[in-house]
Protein backbone atom coordinates (compact mmCIF):
# COMPACT_ATOMS: atom_id res chain seq x y z
CA MET A 1 49.00 37.21 107.77
CA LEU A 2 52.71 37.99 108.00
CA TYR A 3 52.11 41.73 107.77
CA GLY A 4 49.32 41.48 110.38
CA ALA A 5 51.56 39.53 112.76
CA LEU A 6 54.33 42.10 112.37
CA PHE A 7 51.85 44.91 113.05
CA LEU A 8 50.58 43.08 116.15
CA VAL A 9 54.10 42.62 117.54
CA ALA A 10 54.95 46.27 116.90
CA GLY A 11 51.69 47.44 118.50
CA ALA A 12 52.19 45.22 121.57
CA SER A 13 55.72 46.59 121.99
CA LEU A 14 54.42 50.16 121.72
CA LEU A 15 51.69 49.42 124.28
CA ALA A 16 54.20 47.90 126.72
CA ILE A 17 56.49 50.92 126.43
CA THR A 18 53.58 53.34 126.93
CA TYR A 19 52.32 51.39 129.95
CA GLY A 20 55.77 51.41 131.52
CA LEU A 21 56.21 55.14 130.98
CA VAL A 22 52.79 55.95 132.48
CA ALA A 23 53.24 53.57 135.44
CA ASN A 24 56.66 54.93 136.41
CA GLY A 25 56.17 58.51 135.36
CA THR A 26 54.94 59.73 138.79
CA GLY A 27 55.52 58.74 142.44
CA ASN A 28 53.29 56.27 144.24
CA ALA A 29 52.34 58.73 147.01
CA ALA A 30 52.10 62.45 147.68
CA LYS A 31 55.06 63.81 149.60
CA PRO A 32 54.15 65.84 152.71
CA ILE A 33 55.71 69.21 153.38
CA VAL A 34 57.57 68.96 156.72
CA VAL A 35 57.87 72.28 158.44
CA GLY A 36 58.33 71.30 162.03
CA LYS A 37 58.79 68.51 164.57
CA GLN A 38 56.97 67.55 167.75
CA SER A 39 58.01 64.55 169.85
CA GLY A 40 59.85 63.07 166.86
CA THR A 41 56.75 63.15 164.60
CA SER A 42 56.78 65.11 161.40
CA VAL A 43 53.75 67.30 160.97
CA ALA A 44 52.33 69.45 158.16
CA LEU A 45 51.19 72.87 159.26
CA PRO A 46 48.17 74.72 157.92
CA ALA A 47 48.52 77.78 155.80
CA LEU A 48 50.19 80.68 157.49
CA PRO A 49 47.78 83.39 158.67
CA THR A 50 47.85 86.94 157.51
CA PHE A 51 49.03 89.36 160.17
CA ALA A 52 47.54 92.75 160.79
CA ARG A 53 49.68 95.80 160.93
CA GLY A 54 51.77 95.83 164.12
CA SER A 55 50.89 92.22 165.10
CA THR A 56 53.52 90.30 167.07
CA ALA A 57 52.03 86.83 166.59
CA VAL A 58 54.12 84.28 164.65
CA ALA A 59 52.32 81.74 162.39
CA ALA A 60 55.06 79.15 162.01
CA SER A 61 58.11 77.88 163.72
CA VAL A 62 61.11 79.62 162.25
CA PRO A 63 64.68 78.34 162.48
CA LYS A 64 67.22 80.39 164.24
CA GLY A 65 68.55 83.29 162.17
CA ALA A 66 65.81 83.00 159.51
CA SER A 67 63.89 86.00 158.23
CA VAL A 68 60.22 85.56 157.20
CA ILE A 69 58.19 88.06 155.21
CA TYR A 70 54.37 88.05 155.33
CA GLU A 71 52.25 90.05 152.99
CA GLN A 72 48.75 91.41 153.50
CA LYS A 73 46.60 92.44 150.58
CA THR A 74 44.06 95.22 151.36
CA ALA A 75 42.18 97.76 149.35
CA GLY A 76 44.93 100.18 150.16
CA PRO A 77 48.62 100.01 149.60
CA LYS A 78 50.44 96.77 150.32
CA THR A 79 51.70 96.50 153.84
CA VAL A 80 54.79 94.49 154.48
CA VAL A 81 55.56 93.32 157.94
CA GLN A 82 58.90 91.78 158.60
CA VAL A 83 59.33 89.74 161.69
CA GLN A 84 62.74 88.81 162.89
CA ALA A 85 62.69 85.51 164.75
CA TYR A 86 65.29 84.54 167.20
CA ALA A 87 66.37 81.19 168.58
CA GLY A 88 63.96 79.59 170.97
CA GLN A 89 60.85 81.41 169.75
CA VAL A 90 57.89 79.12 169.11
CA ASN A 91 54.67 79.94 167.33
CA ALA A 92 51.60 80.05 169.51
CA THR A 93 49.67 78.08 166.92
CA PHE A 94 52.33 75.29 166.85
CA SER A 95 52.26 75.04 170.67
CA ARG A 96 48.54 74.16 170.53
CA LEU A 97 49.12 71.20 168.18
CA THR A 98 49.09 68.01 170.14
CA ALA A 99 50.40 64.58 169.35
CA ALA A 100 46.84 63.53 168.45
CA HIS A 101 46.61 66.21 165.85
CA ALA A 102 49.90 65.05 164.38
CA ARG A 103 48.73 61.44 164.20
CA GLU A 104 45.52 62.57 162.54
CA LEU A 105 47.54 64.44 159.92
CA VAL A 106 49.70 61.37 159.26
CA ALA A 107 46.62 59.15 158.93
CA LEU A 108 45.06 61.65 156.55
CA GLN A 109 48.24 61.62 154.51
CA ASN A 110 48.22 57.80 154.34
CA ARG A 111 44.57 57.70 153.25
CA ALA A 112 45.33 60.25 150.57
CA ASN A 113 48.26 58.17 149.33
CA SER A 114 46.11 55.03 149.27
CA GLN A 115 43.38 56.74 147.30
CA ILE A 116 45.93 58.11 144.85
CA ALA A 117 47.37 54.61 144.35
CA ASP A 118 43.89 53.18 143.80
CA VAL A 119 43.06 55.83 141.25
CA LYS A 120 46.37 55.25 139.49
CA ARG A 121 45.85 51.47 139.33
CA SER A 122 42.35 52.03 137.98
CA GLN A 123 43.65 54.41 135.33
CA LEU A 124 46.43 52.05 134.32
CA GLY A 125 43.97 49.14 134.06
CA THR A 126 41.64 51.24 131.93
CA LEU A 127 44.57 52.30 129.73
CA LEU A 128 45.71 48.70 129.28
CA THR A 129 42.22 47.38 128.54
CA ARG A 130 41.24 50.05 126.05
CA SER A 131 44.65 50.06 124.37
CA GLY A 132 44.58 46.27 124.04
CA LEU A 133 41.10 46.42 122.53
CA ALA A 134 42.21 49.11 120.09
CA LEU A 135 45.31 47.05 119.24
CA ALA A 136 43.20 43.94 118.54
CA ILE A 137 40.85 45.91 116.27
CA MET A 138 43.76 47.47 114.39
CA ALA A 139 45.50 44.09 114.06
CA LEU A 140 42.41 42.56 112.45
CA ALA A 141 42.05 45.61 110.22
CA SER A 142 45.72 45.41 109.23
CA ILE A 143 45.39 41.71 108.37
CA GLY A 144 42.40 42.43 106.15
CA LEU A 145 44.07 45.44 104.54
CA GLY A 146 47.32 43.50 104.09
CA TRP A 147 45.39 40.65 102.46
CA VAL A 148 43.78 43.04 99.99
CA MET A 149 46.99 44.93 99.21
CA ALA A 150 49.07 41.75 98.94
CA GLY A 151 46.50 40.32 96.55
CA ARG A 152 46.66 43.43 94.38
CA ALA A 153 50.47 43.52 94.50
CA LEU A 154 50.84 39.81 93.65
CA ARG A 155 48.18 39.75 90.95
CA PRO A 156 50.82 40.07 88.18
CA VAL A 157 52.61 37.04 89.66
CA ARG A 158 49.47 34.95 89.37
CA THR A 159 49.01 36.21 85.81
CA MET A 160 52.57 35.25 84.92
CA SER A 161 52.17 31.83 86.54
CA SER A 162 48.94 31.01 84.71
CA ARG A 163 50.27 32.19 81.35
CA ALA A 164 53.64 30.49 81.81
CA ARG A 165 51.93 27.17 82.54
CA GLY A 166 50.25 27.34 79.14
CA ILE A 167 53.47 27.95 77.19
CA SER A 168 55.31 24.97 75.70
CA GLU A 169 57.58 24.26 72.72
CA ARG A 170 54.48 24.34 70.48
CA ASN A 171 53.46 27.93 71.29
CA LEU A 172 56.66 29.75 72.16
CA HIS A 173 55.35 32.71 70.17
CA GLU A 174 53.02 33.62 73.05
CA ARG A 175 54.17 36.20 75.59
CA LEU A 176 53.19 37.23 79.12
CA ALA A 177 52.63 40.82 77.94
CA LEU A 178 52.15 42.33 81.40
CA ASP A 179 50.66 45.80 81.59
CA GLY A 180 50.73 48.29 84.41
CA PRO A 181 53.40 50.53 85.98
CA ASP A 182 57.08 49.96 85.29
CA ASP A 183 57.85 48.30 88.61
CA GLU A 184 59.93 45.24 89.50
CA LEU A 185 57.20 42.78 88.51
CA LYS A 186 56.75 44.45 85.12
CA GLU A 187 60.50 44.23 84.59
CA LEU A 188 60.40 40.54 85.54
CA GLY A 189 57.61 39.91 83.01
CA ASP A 190 59.52 41.74 80.26
CA THR A 191 62.64 39.73 81.08
CA PHE A 192 60.65 36.50 80.82
CA ASP A 193 59.23 37.65 77.47
CA GLY A 194 62.77 38.26 76.26
CA LEU A 195 63.73 34.77 77.38
CA LEU A 196 60.77 33.33 75.48
CA ALA A 197 61.83 35.25 72.36
CA ARG A 198 65.34 33.81 72.57
CA LEU A 199 63.98 30.32 73.16
CA GLU A 200 61.64 30.68 70.19
CA ALA A 201 64.55 31.73 67.99
CA ALA A 202 66.67 28.83 69.26
CA PHE A 203 63.88 26.28 68.73
CA GLU A 204 63.15 27.66 65.27
CA SER A 205 66.82 27.50 64.37
CA GLN A 206 66.98 23.93 65.67
CA ARG A 207 63.92 22.91 63.66
CA ARG A 208 65.33 24.53 60.55
CA PHE A 209 68.68 22.88 61.12
CA VAL A 210 67.14 19.42 61.55
CA ALA A 211 64.94 19.89 58.48
CA ASN A 212 67.87 21.09 56.37
CA ALA A 213 70.14 18.32 57.61
CA SER A 214 67.50 15.72 56.85
CA HIS A 215 67.07 17.15 53.37
CA GLU A 216 70.82 17.28 52.72
CA LEU A 217 71.27 13.69 53.88
CA ARG A 218 68.23 12.39 52.03
CA THR A 219 69.31 13.82 48.67
CA PRO A 220 72.54 11.80 48.26
CA ILE A 221 70.89 8.68 49.68
CA THR A 222 68.09 8.98 47.10
CA LEU A 223 70.68 9.53 44.37
CA GLU A 224 72.67 6.46 45.41
CA ARG A 225 69.54 4.31 45.49
CA ALA A 226 68.47 5.52 42.05
CA LEU A 227 71.91 4.78 40.59
CA VAL A 228 71.94 1.28 42.02
CA GLU A 229 68.37 0.52 40.86
CA VAL A 230 69.12 1.73 37.33
CA ALA A 231 72.25 -0.39 37.16
CA LEU A 232 70.46 -3.50 38.44
CA SER A 233 67.48 -3.03 36.13
CA ASP A 234 69.70 -3.13 33.05
CA PRO A 235 70.17 -6.81 32.06
CA ASN A 236 72.84 -5.85 29.56
CA ALA A 237 74.89 -3.71 31.88
CA SER A 238 78.59 -3.91 31.17
CA VAL A 239 81.41 -3.99 33.66
CA GLU A 240 82.36 -0.44 32.72
CA SER A 241 78.83 0.90 33.34
CA LEU A 242 78.72 -0.85 36.70
CA ARG A 243 82.12 0.60 37.61
CA GLU A 244 80.86 4.06 36.63
CA THR A 245 77.81 3.56 38.82
CA CYS A 246 80.03 2.56 41.72
CA ARG A 247 82.20 5.65 41.20
CA ARG A 248 79.14 7.90 41.30
CA VAL A 249 77.87 6.16 44.44
CA LEU A 250 81.31 6.64 45.99
CA VAL A 251 81.26 10.38 45.22
CA SER A 252 77.81 10.68 46.78
CA SER A 253 79.02 8.77 49.86
CA GLU A 254 81.96 11.14 50.20
CA GLN A 255 79.54 14.06 50.11
CA GLN A 256 77.52 12.46 52.90
CA GLU A 257 80.69 11.91 54.88
CA ARG A 258 81.67 15.56 54.54
CA LEU A 259 78.19 16.62 55.59
CA ILE A 260 78.17 14.36 58.65
CA GLU A 261 81.64 15.53 59.64
CA ALA A 262 80.55 19.15 59.27
CA LEU A 263 77.46 18.53 61.40
CA LEU A 264 79.56 16.87 64.10
CA THR A 265 82.02 19.78 64.05
CA LEU A 266 79.15 22.25 64.34
CA ALA A 267 77.60 20.35 67.26
CA ARG A 268 80.96 20.00 69.03
CA SER A 269 81.78 23.69 68.65
CA GLN A 270 78.36 24.71 69.98
CA ARG A 271 79.05 22.78 73.21
CA GLY A 272 82.00 25.05 73.96
CA LEU A 273 85.63 24.27 74.77
CA GLU A 274 86.65 21.41 77.04
CA GLN A 275 90.28 22.56 77.29
CA ARG A 276 92.50 25.41 76.16
CA ALA A 277 96.04 25.44 74.79
CA PRO A 278 98.26 27.99 73.03
CA VAL A 279 97.30 28.48 69.38
CA ASN A 280 99.51 30.16 66.76
CA LEU A 281 97.22 31.71 64.16
CA ARG A 282 100.08 32.51 61.80
CA GLU A 283 101.29 28.90 61.59
CA LEU A 284 97.75 27.47 61.27
CA THR A 285 96.82 29.91 58.51
CA ALA A 286 100.06 29.22 56.61
CA GLU A 287 99.42 25.46 56.74
CA VAL A 288 95.79 25.87 55.61
CA VAL A 289 96.80 28.11 52.67
CA ARG A 290 99.43 25.58 51.54
CA SER A 291 97.03 22.60 51.75
CA THR A 292 93.87 24.13 50.24
CA PRO A 293 93.38 23.57 46.49
CA SER A 294 93.24 26.93 44.76
CA ASN A 295 91.29 25.79 41.66
CA GLY A 296 93.01 28.48 39.60
CA VAL A 297 92.30 31.24 42.15
CA ARG A 298 95.31 33.28 43.31
CA VAL A 299 95.79 32.89 47.06
CA ASP A 300 98.05 35.38 48.88
CA ALA A 301 98.96 35.37 52.55
CA THR A 302 100.28 38.22 54.68
CA LEU A 303 100.92 36.62 58.03
CA GLY A 304 102.04 38.43 61.15
CA ALA A 305 102.40 37.27 64.72
CA ALA A 306 99.03 36.36 66.25
CA GLU A 307 98.77 34.01 69.22
CA THR A 308 95.76 33.07 71.27
CA THR A 309 94.49 30.16 73.36
CA GLY A 310 91.82 27.60 72.60
CA ASP A 311 91.29 24.34 70.76
CA SER A 312 93.91 24.13 68.00
CA ALA A 313 91.90 21.66 65.89
CA MET A 314 88.75 23.79 66.02
CA VAL A 315 90.64 26.99 65.17
CA GLU A 316 92.27 25.21 62.24
CA ARG A 317 88.80 24.13 61.08
CA LEU A 318 87.65 27.76 61.32
CA VAL A 319 90.55 28.99 59.18
CA ALA A 320 90.06 26.17 56.68
CA ASN A 321 86.35 26.90 56.29
CA LEU A 322 86.98 30.59 55.66
CA VAL A 323 89.74 29.94 53.10
CA GLU A 324 87.80 27.14 51.35
CA ASN A 325 84.67 29.31 51.14
CA ALA A 326 86.72 32.19 49.78
CA VAL A 327 88.16 29.92 47.08
CA ARG A 328 84.86 28.16 46.28
CA TYR A 329 82.67 31.26 46.06
CA ASN A 330 84.91 33.19 43.70
CA GLU A 331 85.56 34.03 40.06
CA PRO A 332 87.73 31.70 37.92
CA ASP A 333 90.48 34.33 37.78
CA GLY A 334 89.75 35.75 41.22
CA TRP A 335 91.93 36.15 44.27
CA VAL A 336 91.96 35.37 48.00
CA THR A 337 94.02 37.07 50.70
CA ALA A 338 94.61 35.80 54.22
CA TRP A 339 95.99 38.13 56.89
CA THR A 340 96.94 37.56 60.52
CA GLY A 341 98.20 40.08 63.03
CA SER A 342 97.21 42.17 66.03
CA ARG A 343 94.64 44.95 66.13
CA ASP A 344 94.37 46.98 69.31
CA GLY A 345 96.19 44.17 71.07
CA ASP A 346 93.77 41.45 69.90
CA PRO A 347 94.99 38.58 67.69
CA THR A 348 93.03 38.81 64.44
CA LEU A 349 92.44 36.73 61.32
CA GLU A 350 91.08 38.30 58.13
CA VAL A 351 90.12 36.51 54.90
CA SER A 352 89.00 38.48 51.81
CA ASN A 353 88.12 37.37 48.32
CA SER A 354 86.77 38.56 45.01
CA GLY A 355 83.56 37.14 43.68
CA PRO A 356 79.93 38.00 43.03
CA VAL A 357 78.44 41.06 44.65
CA VAL A 358 76.69 40.25 47.93
CA LYS A 359 73.78 42.39 49.05
CA PRO A 360 74.03 43.77 52.59
CA GLU A 361 70.77 42.06 53.61
CA GLN A 362 72.21 38.68 52.59
CA VAL A 363 75.19 38.87 54.94
CA LYS A 364 73.30 37.82 58.09
CA GLU A 365 71.79 34.84 56.28
CA LEU A 366 75.20 33.48 55.31
CA VAL A 367 76.10 32.43 58.86
CA LYS A 368 72.94 30.33 59.20
CA PRO A 369 73.25 26.58 58.60
CA PHE A 370 72.65 25.44 54.99
CA SER A 371 72.47 29.02 53.71
CA ARG A 372 74.23 29.40 50.38
CA LEU A 373 75.16 32.50 48.45
CA ASP A 374 72.63 33.44 45.78
CA ARG A 375 74.13 33.58 42.31
CA ASN A 376 72.92 34.54 38.92
CA GLY A 377 73.17 31.98 36.10
CA SER A 378 76.49 33.17 34.63
CA ALA A 379 78.32 33.10 37.91
CA ALA A 380 77.11 29.58 38.63
CA ALA A 381 78.14 28.40 35.20
CA ARG A 382 81.66 29.77 35.58
CA ASN A 383 82.13 28.13 38.95
CA ALA A 384 80.44 24.75 38.90
CA ASP A 385 82.45 23.53 41.87
CA ALA A 386 80.56 25.95 44.08
CA GLN A 387 77.55 23.68 43.82
CA GLN A 388 79.38 21.20 46.07
CA GLY A 389 79.15 23.54 49.03
CA LEU A 390 77.15 22.32 52.00
CA GLY A 391 76.13 25.72 53.32
CA LEU A 392 77.75 25.02 56.71
CA GLY A 393 81.13 26.74 56.32
CA LEU A 394 80.33 30.11 57.84
CA SER A 395 77.91 28.69 60.40
CA ILE A 396 80.65 26.35 61.69
CA ALA A 397 83.11 29.25 61.73
CA GLN A 398 80.62 31.33 63.70
CA ALA A 399 80.08 28.53 66.24
CA ILE A 400 83.84 28.04 66.71
CA ALA A 401 84.33 31.79 67.14
CA ASP A 402 81.57 31.88 69.77
CA ALA A 403 83.18 28.97 71.62
CA HIS A 404 86.43 30.97 71.79
CA HIS A 405 84.62 34.21 72.75
CA ALA A 406 85.85 35.71 69.49
CA GLU A 407 84.02 38.23 67.32
CA LEU A 408 83.29 37.18 63.72
CA THR A 409 82.16 39.91 61.35
CA THR A 410 81.25 39.53 57.68
CA ALA A 411 81.21 42.57 55.41
CA PRO A 412 80.47 42.65 51.65
CA ARG A 413 83.02 44.33 49.40
CA PRO A 414 81.54 46.95 47.05
CA GLU A 415 83.34 45.46 44.02
CA GLY A 416 82.26 41.93 44.91
CA GLY A 417 83.21 39.24 47.38
CA LEU A 418 83.38 39.24 51.15
CA MET A 419 85.76 40.22 53.92
CA VAL A 420 85.48 37.99 57.00
CA THR A 421 87.27 39.10 60.19
CA VAL A 422 87.72 36.99 63.33
CA ARG A 423 88.98 38.93 66.32
CA PHE A 424 90.02 36.87 69.31
CA PRO A 425 90.11 38.50 72.76
CA ALA A 426 93.56 39.31 74.05
CA ASP A 427 92.97 37.38 77.29
CA CYS A 428 91.35 34.40 75.56
């Protein structure tokens, strides 16, 4: 309907312009040719006669000093007779015209002008009527054609709408999957499919996170309940056995506390930063290295100037997670190095360690919540403390890096262990 209305307005404008050009293109009356005057009345003379050779008759009044040439066409050669008129000469034919003849000529001219005007009005009316009829027919045709073409053009939109209405959190795997030419609507459908893919990945990650968190929280709670039930079911339990049970329950509670704190840190870092302040990576890293238990692992630090902006507590948690993971997932006589400095103008933190060999395909899994490094039996036996890991260290570090718009990369070392690099933007 919109396209038809626009066509109708454009056609009406074109018709108005055409009508105006035709109506004003010619004069309203024929202009008479005035060749003489009699008693103040303009008259139009008949065609000049053809003179014979040697004739002295004059066929029209000629102004003084004018020269008139008359030609006569015969079977023979052309004969040209030039007549020189002088002032005061009057044509014999003009002298016979009376005032009545002049009035008759004027009346004839007026009737001719009236007839011409009538014919012109009739032609203009016919033009307007037929053009308006043609415009109405074309307007209806344009509305119908516009309806068909608009329906064909908007068909992908209806398809997207119907399919999008059927997609919810339970079937995010479905896609719009539009086919057809690569136009704007196809691009919109592909963009929506990409959005659905990202939402599916986010929902799946959230489900996995909730399931893993529930499992991690349920395990120590079940252990605590079992310890308490065993202690209460023993009628001969001594004070020392009860104290041992309480110590074990306390250790399990501490593990729950660490897990809950880690989950809160992860959730807070995923919300982004509420405020920014100057952060000195060199000082934070030095403090973390001094306060982290080494468990027999050699920890070296090469710290250069590296300053950025962000949340100091969250950045400290990032550094602590990387150093603690490097110490925990290591060999008994292994080593850990922490380095800070500037690379290409960006403040950078790098933590490397020795340890078991990590396969390249395992690296991406390490930054997911509750993902732990696979070990063989000997490595696990040599480092029993590694079993206390929650599997949230690298995922929390990744979330904190994302909140600071930093780039965290994890690369396996060929001889074993990992090298984790966090590169903060220079304008962070």
